[in-house]
C-alpha atoms as a PDB file:
ATOM      1  CA  UNK A   1      27.582  12.547 -68.798  1.00  0.00           C
ATOM      2  CA  UNK A   2      25.834  12.700 -64.912  1.00  0.00           C
ATOM      3  CA  UNK A   3      27.702  10.639 -62.448  1.00  0.00           C
ATOM      4  CA  UNK A   4      24.992   8.173 -62.240  1.00  0.00           C
ATOM      5  CA  UNK A   5      23.025   6.433 -65.027  1.00  0.00           C
ATOM      6  CA  UNK A   6      20.063   4.078 -64.346  1.00  0.00           C
ATOM      7  CA  UNK A   7      20.463   0.924 -65.914  1.00  0.00           C
ATOM      8  CA  UNK A   8      17.064  -0.697 -65.145  1.00  0.00           C
ATOM      9  CA  UNK A   9      13.950   1.209 -65.050  1.00  0.00           C
ATOM     10  CA  UNK A  10      11.177   0.663 -62.339  1.00  0.00           C
ATOM     11  CA  UNK A  11      11.245  -1.340 -58.841  1.00  0.00           C
ATOM     12  CA  UNK A  12      12.695  -4.612 -58.861  1.00  0.00           C
ATOM     13  CA  UNK A  13      12.118  -5.672 -55.852  1.00  0.00           C
ATOM     14  CA  UNK A  14       9.710  -8.357 -55.512  1.00  0.00           C
ATOM     15  CA  UNK A  15       6.803  -8.510 -53.399  1.00  0.00           C
ATOM     16  CA  UNK A  16       7.878 -11.053 -51.627  1.00  0.00           C
ATOM     17  CA  UNK A  17      11.209  -9.681 -50.572  1.00  0.00           C
ATOM     18  CA  UNK A  18       9.505  -6.585 -49.689  1.00  0.00           C
ATOM     19  CA  UNK A  19      10.028  -5.609 -45.691  1.00  0.00           C
ATOM     20  CA  UNK A  20       7.427  -3.691 -43.746  1.00  0.00           C
ATOM     21  CA  UNK A  21       8.695  -1.461 -41.054  1.00  0.00           C
ATOM     22  CA  UNK A  22       8.188  -3.066 -37.310  1.00  0.00           C
ATOM     23  CA  UNK A  23       4.822  -1.865 -35.681  1.00  0.00           C
ATOM     24  CA  UNK A  24       5.916  -0.253 -32.325  1.00  0.00           C
ATOM     25  CA  UNK A  25       9.091   1.645 -33.331  1.00  0.00           C
ATOM     26  CA  UNK A  26       7.630   4.732 -33.623  1.00  0.00           C
ATOM     27  CA  UNK A  27       5.315   7.368 -31.182  1.00  0.00           C
ATOM     28  CA  UNK A  28       3.639   9.989 -32.049  1.00  0.00           C
ATOM     29  CA  UNK A  29       2.034  12.764 -29.430  1.00  0.00           C
ATOM     30  CA  UNK A  30      -1.475  12.676 -29.073  1.00  0.00           C
ATOM     31  CA  UNK A  31      -1.447  16.660 -28.506  1.00  0.00           C
ATOM     32  CA  UNK A  32       1.314  18.132 -30.727  1.00  0.00           C
ATOM     33  CA  UNK A  33       1.812  14.787 -32.798  1.00  0.00           C
ATOM     34  CA  UNK A  34       5.813  14.992 -32.813  1.00  0.00           C
ATOM     35  CA  UNK A  35       7.037  11.649 -33.687  1.00  0.00           C
ATOM     36  CA  UNK A  36       9.774   9.881 -31.626  1.00  0.00           C
ATOM     37  CA  UNK A  37      11.100   6.227 -31.287  1.00  0.00           C
ATOM     38  CA  UNK A  38       9.019   4.028 -28.819  1.00  0.00           C
ATOM     39  CA  UNK A  39      12.321   3.239 -26.846  1.00  0.00           C
ATOM     40  CA  UNK A  40      12.969   7.453 -26.968  1.00  0.00           C
ATOM     41  CA  UNK A  41       9.580   7.913 -25.698  1.00  0.00           C
ATOM     42  CA  UNK A  42       9.628   5.214 -22.982  1.00  0.00           C
ATOM     43  CA  UNK A  43      12.685   6.905 -22.068  1.00  0.00           C
ATOM     44  CA  UNK A  44      11.373   9.896 -21.313  1.00  0.00           C
ATOM     45  CA  UNK A  45       8.581   8.189 -19.326  1.00  0.00           C
ATOM     46  CA  UNK A  46       6.068   8.455 -22.105  1.00  0.00           C
ATOM     47  CA  UNK A  47       5.847  12.433 -22.100  1.00  0.00           C
ATOM     48  CA  UNK A  48       6.251  14.178 -25.049  1.00  0.00           C
ATOM     49  CA  UNK A  49       9.629  16.132 -24.965  1.00  0.00           C
ATOM     50  CA  UNK A  50       8.148  18.792 -27.583  1.00  0.00           C
ATOM     51  CA  UNK A  51       4.456  20.023 -25.198  1.00  0.00           C
ATOM     52  CA  UNK A  52       5.520  17.895 -22.247  1.00  0.00           C
ATOM     53  CA  UNK A  53       2.586  15.953 -22.924  1.00  0.00           C
ATOM     54  CA  UNK A  54       1.650  12.991 -20.241  1.00  0.00           C
ATOM     55  CA  UNK A  55       0.360   9.630 -22.243  1.00  0.00           C
ATOM     56  CA  UNK A  56      -1.443   7.689 -19.550  1.00  0.00           C
ATOM     57  CA  UNK A  57       0.566   4.836 -18.243  1.00  0.00           C
ATOM     58  CA  UNK A  58      -0.041   1.957 -15.849  1.00  0.00           C
ATOM     59  CA  UNK A  59       0.885   0.542 -12.360  1.00  0.00           C
ATOM     60  CA  UNK A  60       3.678  -1.736 -13.701  1.00  0.00           C
ATOM     61  CA  UNK A  61       4.964   1.783 -15.191  1.00  0.00           C
ATOM     62  CA  UNK A  62       4.369   3.541 -12.131  1.00  0.00           C
ATOM     63  CA  UNK A  63       6.051   1.296  -9.651  1.00  0.00           C
ATOM     64  CA  UNK A  64       9.138   0.596 -11.999  1.00  0.00           C
ATOM     65  CA  UNK A  65       9.514   5.032 -11.833  1.00  0.00           C
ATOM     66  CA  UNK A  66       9.154   4.826  -8.219  1.00  0.00           C
ATOM     67  CA  UNK A  67      10.160   2.045  -6.460  1.00  0.00           C
ATOM     68  CA  UNK A  68      14.185   1.699  -5.918  1.00  0.00           C
ATOM     69  CA  UNK A  69      15.577  -0.410  -8.810  1.00  0.00           C
ATOM     70  CA  UNK A  70      12.014  -1.832  -9.693  1.00  0.00           C
ATOM     71  CA  UNK A  71      11.804  -4.082  -6.356  1.00  0.00           C
ATOM     72  CA  UNK A  72       8.858  -4.431  -4.571  1.00  0.00           C
ATOM     73  CA  UNK A  73       6.681  -7.077  -3.263  1.00  0.00           C
ATOM     74  CA  UNK A  74       2.745  -6.912  -3.850  1.00  0.00           C
ATOM     75  CA  UNK A  75      -0.037  -6.999  -1.564  1.00  0.00           C
ATOM     76  CA  UNK A  76      -3.235  -9.017  -2.668  1.00  0.00           C
ATOM     77  CA  UNK A  77      -1.991 -10.427  -5.617  1.00  0.00           C
ATOM     78  CA  UNK A  78      -4.903 -12.960  -5.936  1.00  0.00           C
ATOM     79  CA  UNK A  79      -7.762 -10.772  -4.917  1.00  0.00           C
ATOM     80  CA  UNK A  80     -10.598 -10.906  -7.913  1.00  0.00           C
ATOM     81  CA  UNK A  81     -14.127  -9.264  -8.311  1.00  0.00           C
ATOM     82  CA  UNK A  82     -17.470 -11.173  -8.077  1.00  0.00           C
ATOM     83  CA  UNK A  83     -20.759 -10.550  -9.325  1.00  0.00           C
ATOM     84  CA  UNK A  84     -23.472 -10.882  -6.439  1.00  0.00           C
ATOM     85  CA  UNK A  85     -25.815  -8.454  -8.413  1.00  0.00           C
ATOM     86  CA  UNK A  86     -25.566 -10.691 -11.484  1.00  0.00           C
ATOM     87  CA  UNK A  87     -25.480  -7.749 -13.420  1.00  0.00           C
ATOM     88  CA  UNK A  88     -25.675  -7.306 -17.349  1.00  0.00           C
ATOM     89  CA  UNK A  89     -26.269  -4.390 -19.317  1.00  0.00           C
ATOM     90  CA  UNK A  90     -24.630  -5.104 -22.841  1.00  0.00           C
ATOM     91  CA  UNK A  91     -22.696  -8.093 -21.472  1.00  0.00           C
ATOM     92  CA  UNK A  92     -22.427 -10.339 -18.605  1.00  0.00           C
ATOM     93  CA  UNK A  93     -20.343  -8.463 -15.565  1.00  0.00           C
ATOM     94  CA  UNK A  94     -18.872 -11.748 -15.062  1.00  0.00           C
ATOM     95  CA  UNK A  95     -17.758 -12.277 -18.813  1.00  0.00           C
ATOM     96  CA  UNK A  96     -16.976  -8.705 -18.502  1.00  0.00           C
ATOM     97  CA  UNK A  97     -14.232  -8.982 -15.729  1.00  0.00           C
ATOM     98  CA  UNK A  98     -12.619 -12.258 -17.730  1.00  0.00           C
ATOM     99  CA  UNK A  99     -12.679 -10.313 -21.122  1.00  0.00           C
ATOM    100  CA  UNK A 100     -10.344  -7.276 -18.840  1.00  0.00           C
ATOM    101  CA  UNK A 101      -8.361 -10.010 -16.902  1.00  0.00           C
ATOM    102  CA  UNK A 102      -7.077 -11.689 -20.347  1.00  0.00           C
ATOM    103  CA  UNK A 103      -6.677  -8.747 -22.341  1.00  0.00           C
ATOM    104  CA  UNK A 104      -4.812  -6.343 -19.442  1.00  0.00           C
ATOM    105  CA  UNK A 105      -3.054  -9.069 -17.406  1.00  0.00           C
ATOM    106  CA  UNK A 106      -4.563  -7.834 -14.166  1.00  0.00           C
ATOM    107  CA  UNK A 107      -6.812  -8.901 -12.075  1.00  0.00           C
ATOM    108  CA  UNK A 108      -8.508  -5.703 -11.273  1.00  0.00           C
ATOM    109  CA  UNK A 109      -8.169  -1.667 -11.455  1.00  0.00           C
ATOM    110  CA  UNK A 110      -5.520  -1.400  -9.130  1.00  0.00           C
ATOM    111  CA  UNK A 111      -2.577  -2.919  -7.597  1.00  0.00           C
ATOM    112  CA  UNK A 112      -0.927  -2.618  -4.551  1.00  0.00           C
ATOM    113  CA  UNK A 113       3.112  -2.592  -2.912  1.00  0.00           C
ATOM    114  CA  UNK A 114       5.493  -2.091  -0.479  1.00  0.00           C
ATOM    115  CA  UNK A 115       8.779  -1.067  -1.154  1.00  0.00           C
ATOM    116  CA  UNK A 116      11.984   1.680  -1.355  1.00  0.00           C
ATOM    117  CA  UNK A 117      11.255   5.306  -2.825  1.00  0.00           C
ATOM    118  CA  UNK A 118      14.943   7.024  -2.478  1.00  0.00           C
ATOM    119  CA  UNK A 119      15.361   4.245   0.619  1.00  0.00           C
ATOM    120  CA  UNK A 120      12.237   5.322   2.394  1.00  0.00           C
ATOM    121  CA  UNK A 121      10.175   2.752   2.936  1.00  0.00           C
ATOM    122  CA  UNK A 122       6.703   3.188   1.324  1.00  0.00           C
ATOM    123  CA  UNK A 123       3.398   1.502   0.372  1.00  0.00           C
ATOM    124  CA  UNK A 124       1.440   2.547  -3.091  1.00  0.00           C
ATOM    125  CA  UNK A 125      -1.538   1.908  -4.468  1.00  0.00           C
ATOM    126  CA  UNK A 126      -1.247   2.305  -8.335  1.00  0.00           C
ATOM    127  CA  UNK A 127      -4.857   2.816 -10.471  1.00  0.00           C
ATOM    128  CA  UNK A 128      -4.883   1.474 -14.111  1.00  0.00           C
ATOM    129  CA  UNK A 129      -7.459   2.933 -16.353  1.00  0.00           C
ATOM    130  CA  UNK A 130      -7.004  -0.083 -18.904  1.00  0.00           C
ATOM    131  CA  UNK A 131      -9.124  -2.009 -16.490  1.00  0.00           C
ATOM    132  CA  UNK A 132     -12.822  -1.201 -17.156  1.00  0.00           C
ATOM    133  CA  UNK A 133     -11.852   2.710 -16.932  1.00  0.00           C
ATOM    134  CA  UNK A 134     -10.014   2.751 -13.693  1.00  0.00           C
ATOM    135  CA  UNK A 135     -13.172   2.076 -12.406  1.00  0.00           C
ATOM    136  CA  UNK A 136     -13.935   1.316  -8.156  1.00  0.00           C
ATOM    137  CA  UNK A 137     -15.770  -1.558  -7.296  1.00  0.00           C
ATOM    138  CA  UNK A 138     -15.214  -4.104  -4.433  1.00  0.00           C
ATOM    139  CA  UNK A 139     -11.751  -5.052  -4.833  1.00  0.00           C
ATOM    140  CA  UNK A 140     -10.482  -1.979  -5.445  1.00  0.00           C
ATOM    141  CA  UNK A 141     -11.543  -0.363  -2.378  1.00  0.00           C
ATOM    142  CA  UNK A 142     -10.667  -3.676  -0.516  1.00  0.00           C
ATOM    143  CA  UNK A 143      -7.260  -3.452  -2.077  1.00  0.00           C
ATOM    144  CA  UNK A 144      -6.633  -0.162  -1.278  1.00  0.00           C
ATOM    145  CA  UNK A 145      -7.793  -0.279   2.168  1.00  0.00           C
ATOM    146  CA  UNK A 146      -5.658  -3.397   3.101  1.00  0.00           C
ATOM    147  CA  UNK A 147      -2.972  -1.267   1.245  1.00  0.00           C
ATOM    148  CA  UNK A 148      -3.482   1.730   4.126  1.00  0.00           C
ATOM    149  CA  UNK A 149      -3.891  -0.875   6.862  1.00  0.00           C
ATOM    150  CA  UNK A 150      -0.475  -2.244   5.729  1.00  0.00           C
ATOM    151  CA  UNK A 151       1.287   1.086   5.658  1.00  0.00           C
ATOM    152  CA  UNK A 152      -0.403   2.157   9.367  1.00  0.00           C
ATOM    153  CA  UNK A 153       0.483  -1.183  11.174  1.00  0.00           C
ATOM    154  CA  UNK A 154       4.166  -0.989   9.382  1.00  0.00           C
ATOM    155  CA  UNK A 155       4.243   2.780   9.924  1.00  0.00           C
ATOM    156  CA  UNK A 156       5.010   3.502   6.317  1.00  0.00           C
ATOM    157  CA  UNK A 157       3.543   6.702   4.492  1.00  0.00           C
ATOM    158  CA  UNK A 158       1.048   5.966   1.919  1.00  0.00           C
ATOM    159  CA  UNK A 159       0.731   7.107  -1.504  1.00  0.00           C
ATOM    160  CA  UNK A 160      -2.600   6.531  -4.129  1.00  0.00           C
ATOM    161  CA  UNK A 161      -2.272   7.185  -7.474  1.00  0.00           C
ATOM    162  CA  UNK A 162      -5.297   7.655  -9.100  1.00  0.00           C
ATOM    163  CA  UNK A 163      -6.589   7.251 -12.238  1.00  0.00           C
ATOM    164  CA  UNK A 164      -9.952   6.578 -12.576  1.00  0.00           C
ATOM    165  CA  UNK A 165     -13.530   7.369 -14.414  1.00  0.00           C
ATOM    166  CA  UNK A 166     -15.155   6.543 -10.853  1.00  0.00           C
ATOM    167  CA  UNK A 167     -17.397   3.836  -9.445  1.00  0.00           C
ATOM    168  CA  UNK A 168     -17.926   1.092 -11.107  1.00  0.00           C
ATOM    169  CA  UNK A 169     -21.668   0.432 -12.713  1.00  0.00           C
ATOM    170  CA  UNK A 170     -22.166  -3.084 -12.528  1.00  0.00           C
ATOM    171  CA  UNK A 171     -21.545  -2.958  -8.661  1.00  0.00           C
ATOM    172  CA  UNK A 172     -23.973  -0.582  -7.772  1.00  0.00           C
ATOM    173  CA  UNK A 173     -23.951   0.249  -4.099  1.00  0.00           C
ATOM    174  CA  UNK A 174     -21.566  -1.885  -3.001  1.00  0.00           C
ATOM    175  CA  UNK A 175     -19.061   0.097  -5.366  1.00  0.00           C
ATOM    176  CA  UNK A 176     -20.268   3.662  -3.267  1.00  0.00           C
ATOM    177  CA  UNK A 177     -19.453   1.475  -0.383  1.00  0.00           C
ATOM    178  CA  UNK A 178     -15.498   1.691  -1.170  1.00  0.00           C
ATOM    179  CA  UNK A 179     -15.738   5.578  -0.806  1.00  0.00           C
ATOM    180  CA  UNK A 180     -16.822   5.335   2.967  1.00  0.00           C
ATOM    181  CA  UNK A 181     -14.178   2.231   3.593  1.00  0.00           C
ATOM    182  CA  UNK A 182     -11.103   3.660   1.668  1.00  0.00           C
ATOM    183  CA  UNK A 183     -11.950   7.287   3.552  1.00  0.00           C
ATOM    184  CA  UNK A 184     -12.196   5.716   7.137  1.00  0.00           C
ATOM    185  CA  UNK A 185      -9.043   3.765   6.787  1.00  0.00           C
ATOM    186  CA  UNK A 186      -6.883   7.251   5.821  1.00  0.00           C
ATOM    187  CA  UNK A 187      -8.671   8.854   8.961  1.00  0.00           C
ATOM    188  CA  UNK A 188      -7.100   5.897  11.058  1.00  0.00           C
ATOM    189  CA  UNK A 189      -3.727   6.449   9.021  1.00  0.00           C
ATOM    190  CA  UNK A 190      -4.128   9.821   9.765  1.00  0.00           C
ATOM    191  CA  UNK A 191      -4.419   9.483  13.260  1.00  0.00           C
ATOM    192  CA  UNK A 192      -1.747   7.058  13.632  1.00  0.00           C
ATOM    193  CA  UNK A 193       0.539  10.609  12.333  1.00  0.00           C
ATOM    194  CA  UNK A 194       1.555   8.618   9.133  1.00  0.00           C
ATOM    195  CA  UNK A 195       1.799  11.040   5.390  1.00  0.00           C
ATOM    196  CA  UNK A 196      -0.493  10.094   2.707  1.00  0.00           C
ATOM    197  CA  UNK A 197       0.503  11.432  -0.211  1.00  0.00           C
ATOM    198  CA  UNK A 198      -2.603  11.746  -3.122  1.00  0.00           C
ATOM    199  CA  UNK A 199      -0.840  12.057  -7.029  1.00  0.00           C
ATOM    200  CA  UNK A 200      -4.159  12.753  -9.389  1.00  0.00           C
ATOM    201  CA  UNK A 201      -3.411  11.725 -12.933  1.00  0.00           C
ATOM    202  CA  UNK A 202      -5.394  11.801 -16.084  1.00  0.00           C
ATOM    203  CA  UNK A 203      -8.259  11.444 -15.585  1.00  0.00           C
ATOM    204  CA  UNK A 204      -9.215  11.383 -11.898  1.00  0.00           C
ATOM    205  CA  UNK A 205     -13.274  11.571 -11.547  1.00  0.00           C
ATOM    206  CA  UNK A 206     -16.182  10.106 -10.009  1.00  0.00           C
ATOM    207  CA  UNK A 207     -15.976   8.445  -6.876  1.00  0.00           C
ATOM    208  CA  UNK A 208     -11.964   8.429  -6.605  1.00  0.00           C
ATOM    209  CA  UNK A 209     -12.589  12.595  -6.325  1.00  0.00           C
ATOM    210  CA  UNK A 210     -15.166  12.148  -4.161  1.00  0.00           C
ATOM    211  CA  UNK A 211     -13.051   9.968  -1.526  1.00  0.00           C
ATOM    212  CA  UNK A 212      -9.126   8.856  -1.324  1.00  0.00           C
ATOM    213  CA  UNK A 213      -8.372  11.418  -4.216  1.00  0.00           C
ATOM    214  CA  UNK A 214      -8.837  14.435  -2.502  1.00  0.00           C
ATOM    215  CA  UNK A 215      -7.831  13.072   1.159  1.00  0.00           C
ATOM    216  CA  UNK A 216      -3.938  13.808   0.681  1.00  0.00           C
ATOM    217  CA  UNK A 217      -1.881  15.309   3.422  1.00  0.00           C
ATOM    218  CA  UNK A 218      -0.349  16.768  -0.036  1.00  0.00           C
ATOM    219  CA  UNK A 219      -2.971  16.145  -2.831  1.00  0.00           C
ATOM    220  CA  UNK A 220      -0.601  16.892  -6.200  1.00  0.00           C
ATOM    221  CA  UNK A 221      -1.147  16.360 -10.109  1.00  0.00           C
ATOM    222  CA  UNK A 222       0.310  15.630 -13.310  1.00  0.00           C
ATOM    223  CA  UNK A 223       0.390  18.227 -15.885  1.00  0.00           C
ATOM    224  CA  UNK A 224      -2.847  18.829 -17.960  1.00  0.00           C
ATOM    225  CA  UNK A 225      -4.303  16.141 -15.862  1.00  0.00           C
ATOM    226  CA  UNK A 226      -8.400  16.098 -15.804  1.00  0.00           C
ATOM    227  CA  UNK A 227      -9.736  16.345 -12.628  1.00  0.00           C
ATOM    228  CA  UNK A 228     -12.508  16.418 -11.429  1.00  0.00           C
ATOM    229  CA  UNK A 229     -16.355  14.975  -9.939  1.00  0.00           C
ATOM    230  CA  UNK A 230     -18.556  15.050 -13.199  1.00  0.00           C
ATOM    231  CA  UNK A 231     -17.183  15.359 -16.915  1.00  0.00           C
ATOM    232  CA  UNK A 232     -16.932  19.021 -18.069  1.00  0.00           C
ATOM    233  CA  UNK A 233     -19.997  17.927 -20.135  1.00  0.00           C
ATOM    234  CA  UNK A 234     -22.165  17.273 -18.131  1.00  0.00           C
ATOM    235  CA  UNK A 235     -21.408  20.102 -16.235  1.00  0.00           C
ATOM    236  CA  UNK A 236     -21.632  22.353 -19.083  1.00  0.00           C
ATOM    237  CA  UNK A 237     -24.995  20.559 -19.718  1.00  0.00           C
ATOM    238  CA  UNK A 238     -26.755  20.951 -16.010  1.00  0.00           C
ATOM    239  CA  UNK A 239     -25.610  24.478 -15.661  1.00  0.00           C
ATOM    240  CA  UNK A 240     -26.485  25.655 -19.380  1.00  0.00           C
ATOM    241  CA  UNK A 241     -22.741  27.917 -19.456  1.00  0.00           C
ATOM    242  CA  UNK A 242     -19.972  27.796 -21.518  1.00  0.00           C
ATOM    243  CA  UNK A 243     -17.027  26.397 -19.278  1.00  0.00           C
ATOM    244  CA  UNK A 244     -14.085  28.738 -18.257  1.00  0.00           C
ATOM    245  CA  UNK A 245     -10.826  28.109 -20.510  1.00  0.00           C
ATOM    246  CA  UNK A 246      -8.675  24.698 -18.984  1.00  0.00           C
ATOM    247  CA  UNK A 247     -12.188  23.891 -16.648  1.00  0.00           C
ATOM    248  CA  UNK A 248     -10.765  20.889 -14.835  1.00  0.00           C
ATOM    249  CA  UNK A 249      -7.321  20.839 -15.350  1.00  0.00           C
ATOM    250  CA  UNK A 250      -4.734  20.017 -12.626  1.00  0.00           C
ATOM    251  CA  UNK A 251      -3.299  23.750 -13.643  1.00  0.00           C
ATOM    252  CA  UNK A 252      -7.204  25.272 -12.937  1.00  0.00           C
ATOM    253  CA  UNK A 253      -7.015  23.228  -9.812  1.00  0.00           C
ATOM    254  CA  UNK A 254      -4.100  24.268  -8.343  1.00  0.00           C
ATOM    255  CA  UNK A 255      -5.052  27.982  -9.310  1.00  0.00           C
ATOM    256  CA  UNK A 256      -8.282  27.667  -7.348  1.00  0.00           C
ATOM    257  CA  UNK A 257      -6.560  25.657  -3.840  1.00  0.00           C
ATOM    258  CA  UNK A 258      -7.688  22.033  -4.881  1.00  0.00           C
ATOM    259  CA  UNK A 259      -3.836  21.026  -5.950  1.00  0.00           C
ATOM    260  CA  UNK A 260      -1.024  21.753  -3.851  1.00  0.00           C
ATOM    261  CA  UNK A 261       1.602  21.338  -6.643  1.00  0.00           C
ATOM    262  CA  UNK A 262       1.817  19.870 -10.219  1.00  0.00           C
ATOM    263  CA  UNK A 263       4.909  17.698 -10.764  1.00  0.00           C
ATOM    264  CA  UNK A 264       6.333  15.991 -14.070  1.00  0.00           C
ATOM    265  CA  UNK A 265       6.690  12.763 -14.192  1.00  0.00           C
ATOM    266  CA  UNK A 266      10.745  12.598 -14.880  1.00  0.00           C
ATOM    267  CA  UNK A 267      10.461  14.573 -10.809  1.00  0.00           C
ATOM    268  CA  UNK A 268       8.310  12.717  -9.511  1.00  0.00           C
ATOM    269  CA  UNK A 269      10.841  10.696  -7.389  1.00  0.00           C
ATOM    270  CA  UNK A 270      12.416  13.156  -6.147  1.00  0.00           C
ATOM    271  CA  UNK A 271       9.629  15.333  -5.099  1.00  0.00           C
ATOM    272  CA  UNK A 272       7.830  12.509  -3.021  1.00  0.00           C
ATOM    273  CA  UNK A 273      11.254  11.731  -1.930  1.00  0.00           C
ATOM    274  CA  UNK A 274      11.720  15.893  -0.722  1.00  0.00           C
ATOM    275  CA  UNK A 275       7.908  15.570   1.226  1.00  0.00           C
ATOM    276  CA  UNK A 276       8.558  12.674   2.748  1.00  0.00           C
ATOM    277  CA  UNK A 277      12.171  14.202   3.802  1.00  0.00           C
ATOM    278  CA  UNK A 278      10.139  17.427   5.147  1.00  0.00           C
ATOM    279  CA  UNK A 279       7.303  15.380   7.174  1.00  0.00           C
ATOM    280  CA  UNK A 280       9.885  13.567   9.016  1.00  0.00           C
ATOM    281  CA  UNK A 281      11.737  16.852  10.525  1.00  0.00           C
END
């Protein structure tokens, strides 16, 4: 006789009594498919503890990572985009903005704030890819420009965290004007002798790369971030040749001198603090 004897055959739990596993308890790495609890994934700053894949995160996460005790004062919180061109593609631009604002809780694709990083007073502009692909329109350019002005007037270092697909086509030439605006503001910051650190995250492309993302006193990046002007498929079709392995990754750009160094997200705050200490000497 066995240790246990089945007294009833089959499944006896009714459908109404069955409990589904709650959504959001587990997270799967997009690269190696390793599965961990969402809580563990968050504690690891949304990086895979197996392959070190860095998932995309938004401004709220970067502010929490970098600002001491997540305490900061946000700048220009009520600035929202307009539709001066009455642009329409598959959807009215004004309607697209409203839809994205409702879906993300954001006003536009960048948030700017000041606070302390390891005791150092800094200004940070962090982009959100979830808002129309982090595209740069008039509000993005204006908020970054004003944040740079605040840094210059208050003599604080500037950090910009890029995550963008480039210029916002719905704003046409108005969007392209932001490249000049932000670049000229950074030139004023440099003239004032204040440091600017550019952090390129996945993805950083188009107008962002053509302006503020590559103008840092130090240009740094997260591991395996894709960084470039045109995407790899466009480049390949244009030149008619296969691209080198790892083309446009942060590692490829560092090897060719476009990125100063690559930093893991868990080390980011300490590395930035070290940079500011070195610059001060």
